[in-house]
Amino acid sequence: MRSAEAYVRATFDKLFAAASGGSIPEDLSLDGRLCTSNIIATGAQISQTAFASSATTGLRNGSRIQRCYRDLQAANAHFFTNEQSFVDAGRYLAGIPGSAPGL
């Protein structure tokens, strides 16, 4: 989780600096999407492990583990941060015609 957080912080520092300067390059836009997708995927994996390890506690309504698990699974299903974002990024980085950085 710390590496994903470091990736987000470093990328968003660069995004803020670029936006303050007036424009955000396509490669940096792509990095913004990738770091967001990465931290959501990492969080979803962590919440899945916590949920599975919690036995029946995680199943109960009102459980913090259940809420965290549900929220991260919903975020992971969002079109901007789901698995397709990694596929789209790979297509762009591979130079496949018609692909875009995604932001």
C-alpha atoms as a PDB file:
ATOM      1  CA  MET A   1       0.000   0.000   0.000  1.00  0.00           C
ATOM      2  CA  ARG A   2       2.844   2.392   0.751  1.00  0.00           C
ATOM      3  CA  SER A   3       4.322   2.021  -2.716  1.00  0.00           C
ATOM      4  CA  ALA A   4       0.903   2.687  -4.281  1.00  0.00           C
ATOM      5  CA  GLU A   5       0.499   5.743  -2.047  1.00  0.00           C
ATOM      6  CA  ALA A   6       3.963   7.014  -2.984  1.00  0.00           C
ATOM      7  CA  TYR A   7       3.108   6.592  -6.680  1.00  0.00           C
ATOM      8  CA  VAL A   8      -0.106   8.613  -6.205  1.00  0.00           C
ATOM      9  CA  ARG A   9       1.591  11.384  -4.242  1.00  0.00           C
ATOM     10  CA  ALA A  10       4.472  11.748  -6.698  1.00  0.00           C
ATOM     11  CA  THR A  11       2.162  11.691  -9.713  1.00  0.00           C
ATOM     12  CA  PHE A  12      -0.325  14.157  -8.290  1.00  0.00           C
ATOM     13  CA  ASP A  13       2.509  16.539  -7.351  1.00  0.00           C
ATOM     14  CA  LYS A  14       3.568  16.446 -11.011  1.00  0.00           C
ATOM     15  CA  LEU A  15      -0.034  16.850 -12.199  1.00  0.00           C
ATOM     16  CA  PHE A  16      -0.571  19.856  -9.933  1.00  0.00           C
ATOM     17  CA  ALA A  17       2.649  21.487 -11.115  1.00  0.00           C
ATOM     18  CA  ALA A  18       1.741  20.873 -14.759  1.00  0.00           C
ATOM     19  CA  ALA A  19      -1.804  22.181 -14.303  1.00  0.00           C
ATOM     20  CA  SER A  20      -0.435  25.273 -12.568  1.00  0.00           C
ATOM     21  CA  GLY A  21       1.766  25.810 -15.616  1.00  0.00           C
ATOM     22  CA  GLY A  22      -1.208  25.649 -17.934  1.00  0.00           C
ATOM     23  CA  SER A  23      -1.181  22.227 -19.575  1.00  0.00           C
ATOM     24  CA  ILE A  24      -0.831  18.556 -18.718  1.00  0.00           C
ATOM     25  CA  PRO A  25       1.120  16.390 -21.182  1.00  0.00           C
ATOM     26  CA  GLU A  26      -0.581  13.193 -22.415  1.00  0.00           C
ATOM     27  CA  ASP A  27       1.996  10.934 -20.774  1.00  0.00           C
ATOM     28  CA  LEU A  28       1.403  12.610 -17.413  1.00  0.00           C
ATOM     29  CA  SER A  29      -2.374  12.296 -17.876  1.00  0.00           C
ATOM     30  CA  LEU A  30      -1.868   8.604 -18.488  1.00  0.00           C
ATOM     31  CA  ASP A  31       0.278   8.334 -15.361  1.00  0.00           C
ATOM     32  CA  GLY A  32      -2.547   9.979 -13.400  1.00  0.00           C
ATOM     33  CA  ARG A  33      -4.997   7.356 -14.574  1.00  0.00           C
ATOM     34  CA  LEU A  34      -2.545   4.513 -13.967  1.00  0.00           C
ATOM     35  CA  CYS A  35      -1.665   5.578 -10.433  1.00  0.00           C
ATOM     36  CA  THR A  36      -5.359   5.949  -9.601  1.00  0.00           C
ATOM     37  CA  SER A  37      -6.171   2.518 -11.022  1.00  0.00           C
ATOM     38  CA  ASN A  38      -3.174   1.024  -9.224  1.00  0.00           C
ATOM     39  CA  ILE A  39      -4.095   2.322  -5.782  1.00  0.00           C
ATOM     40  CA  ILE A  40      -7.724   1.231  -6.204  1.00  0.00           C
ATOM     41  CA  ALA A  41      -6.628  -2.269  -7.293  1.00  0.00           C
ATOM     42  CA  THR A  42      -4.183  -2.455  -4.379  1.00  0.00           C
ATOM     43  CA  GLY A  43      -6.837  -1.330  -1.898  1.00  0.00           C
ATOM     44  CA  ALA A  44      -9.340  -3.817  -3.334  1.00  0.00           C
ATOM     45  CA  GLN A  45      -6.839  -6.655  -2.872  1.00  0.00           C
ATOM     46  CA  ILE A  46      -6.146  -5.599   0.708  1.00  0.00           C
ATOM     47  CA  SER A  47      -9.850  -5.290   1.523  1.00  0.00           C
ATOM     48  CA  GLN A  48     -10.505  -8.713  -0.044  1.00  0.00           C
ATOM     49  CA  THR A  49      -7.863 -10.259   2.217  1.00  0.00           C
ATOM     50  CA  ALA A  50      -9.260  -8.501   5.299  1.00  0.00           C
ATOM     51  CA  PHE A  51     -12.820  -9.508   4.393  1.00  0.00           C
ATOM     52  CA  ALA A  52     -11.852 -13.150   3.823  1.00  0.00           C
ATOM     53  CA  SER A  53      -9.860 -13.215   7.069  1.00  0.00           C
ATOM     54  CA  SER A  54     -12.646 -11.717   9.167  1.00  0.00           C
ATOM     55  CA  ALA A  55     -14.834 -14.849   9.132  1.00  0.00           C
ATOM     56  CA  THR A  56     -18.463 -13.875   9.784  1.00  0.00           C
ATOM     57  CA  THR A  57     -17.590 -10.479  11.248  1.00  0.00           C
ATOM     58  CA  GLY A  58     -17.131  -9.048   7.772  1.00  0.00           C
ATOM     59  CA  LEU A  59     -20.562 -10.272   6.680  1.00  0.00           C
ATOM     60  CA  ARG A  60     -22.509  -8.289   9.255  1.00  0.00           C
ATOM     61  CA  ASN A  61     -24.189  -5.040   8.271  1.00  0.00           C
ATOM     62  CA  GLY A  62     -22.412  -2.155   9.887  1.00  0.00           C
ATOM     63  CA  SER A  63     -19.062  -3.909   9.859  1.00  0.00           C
ATOM     64  CA  ARG A  64     -16.229  -1.551   8.948  1.00  0.00           C
ATOM     65  CA  ILE A  65     -14.574  -4.350   7.022  1.00  0.00           C
ATOM     66  CA  GLN A  66     -17.732  -4.948   4.989  1.00  0.00           C
ATOM     67  CA  ARG A  67     -18.118  -1.243   4.219  1.00  0.00           C
ATOM     68  CA  CYS A  68     -14.472  -0.897   3.178  1.00  0.00           C
ATOM     69  CA  TYR A  69     -14.717  -4.023   1.041  1.00  0.00           C
ATOM     70  CA  ARG A  70     -17.905  -2.846  -0.685  1.00  0.00           C
ATOM     71  CA  ASP A  71     -16.560   0.668  -1.293  1.00  0.00           C
ATOM     72  CA  LEU A  72     -13.315  -0.564  -2.806  1.00  0.00           C
ATOM     73  CA  GLN A  73     -15.062  -3.158  -4.956  1.00  0.00           C
ATOM     74  CA  ALA A  74     -17.369  -0.419  -6.270  1.00  0.00           C
ATOM     75  CA  ALA A  75     -14.382   1.813  -7.016  1.00  0.00           C
ATOM     76  CA  ASN A  76     -12.627  -1.084  -8.726  1.00  0.00           C
ATOM     77  CA  ALA A  77     -15.671  -1.566 -10.973  1.00  0.00           C
ATOM     78  CA  HIS A  78     -15.739   2.096 -12.041  1.00  0.00           C
ATOM     79  CA  PHE A  79     -14.971   2.558 -15.742  1.00  0.00           C
ATOM     80  CA  PHE A  80     -12.120   4.956 -14.980  1.00  0.00           C
ATOM     81  CA  THR A  81     -10.265   2.652 -12.585  1.00  0.00           C
ATOM     82  CA  ASN A  82     -11.224  -0.884 -13.598  1.00  0.00           C
ATOM     83  CA  GLU A  83      -8.968  -3.465 -15.251  1.00  0.00           C
ATOM     84  CA  GLN A  84      -9.712  -1.994 -18.673  1.00  0.00           C
ATOM     85  CA  SER A  85      -7.723   1.113 -17.706  1.00  0.00           C
ATOM     86  CA  PHE A  86      -4.561  -1.019 -17.624  1.00  0.00           C
ATOM     87  CA  VAL A  87      -5.413  -2.482 -21.039  1.00  0.00           C
ATOM     88  CA  ASP A  88      -6.064   0.992 -22.458  1.00  0.00           C
ATOM     89  CA  ALA A  89      -2.760   2.249 -21.040  1.00  0.00           C
ATOM     90  CA  GLY A  90      -0.886  -0.684 -22.536  1.00  0.00           C
ATOM     91  CA  ARG A  91      -2.436  -0.017 -25.947  1.00  0.00           C
ATOM     92  CA  TYR A  92      -1.420   3.655 -25.755  1.00  0.00           C
ATOM     93  CA  LEU A  93       2.122   2.877 -24.587  1.00  0.00           C
ATOM     94  CA  ALA A  94       2.486   0.254 -27.331  1.00  0.00           C
ATOM     95  CA  GLY A  95       1.562   2.900 -29.891  1.00  0.00           C
ATOM     96  CA  ILE A  96      -1.536   1.105 -31.165  1.00  0.00           C
ATOM     97  CA  PRO A  97      -3.378   3.451 -33.533  1.00  0.00           C
ATOM     98  CA  GLY A  98      -6.574   4.967 -32.160  1.00  0.00           C
ATOM     99  CA  SER A  99      -5.593   4.579 -28.516  1.00  0.00           C
ATOM    100  CA  ALA A 100      -5.602   7.550 -26.153  1.00  0.00           C
ATOM    101  CA  PRO A 101      -4.094   8.253 -22.726  1.00  0.00           C
ATOM    102  CA  GLY A 102      -7.529   8.148 -21.138  1.00  0.00           C
ATOM    103  CA  LEU A 103      -7.961  11.454 -19.339  1.00  0.00           C
END
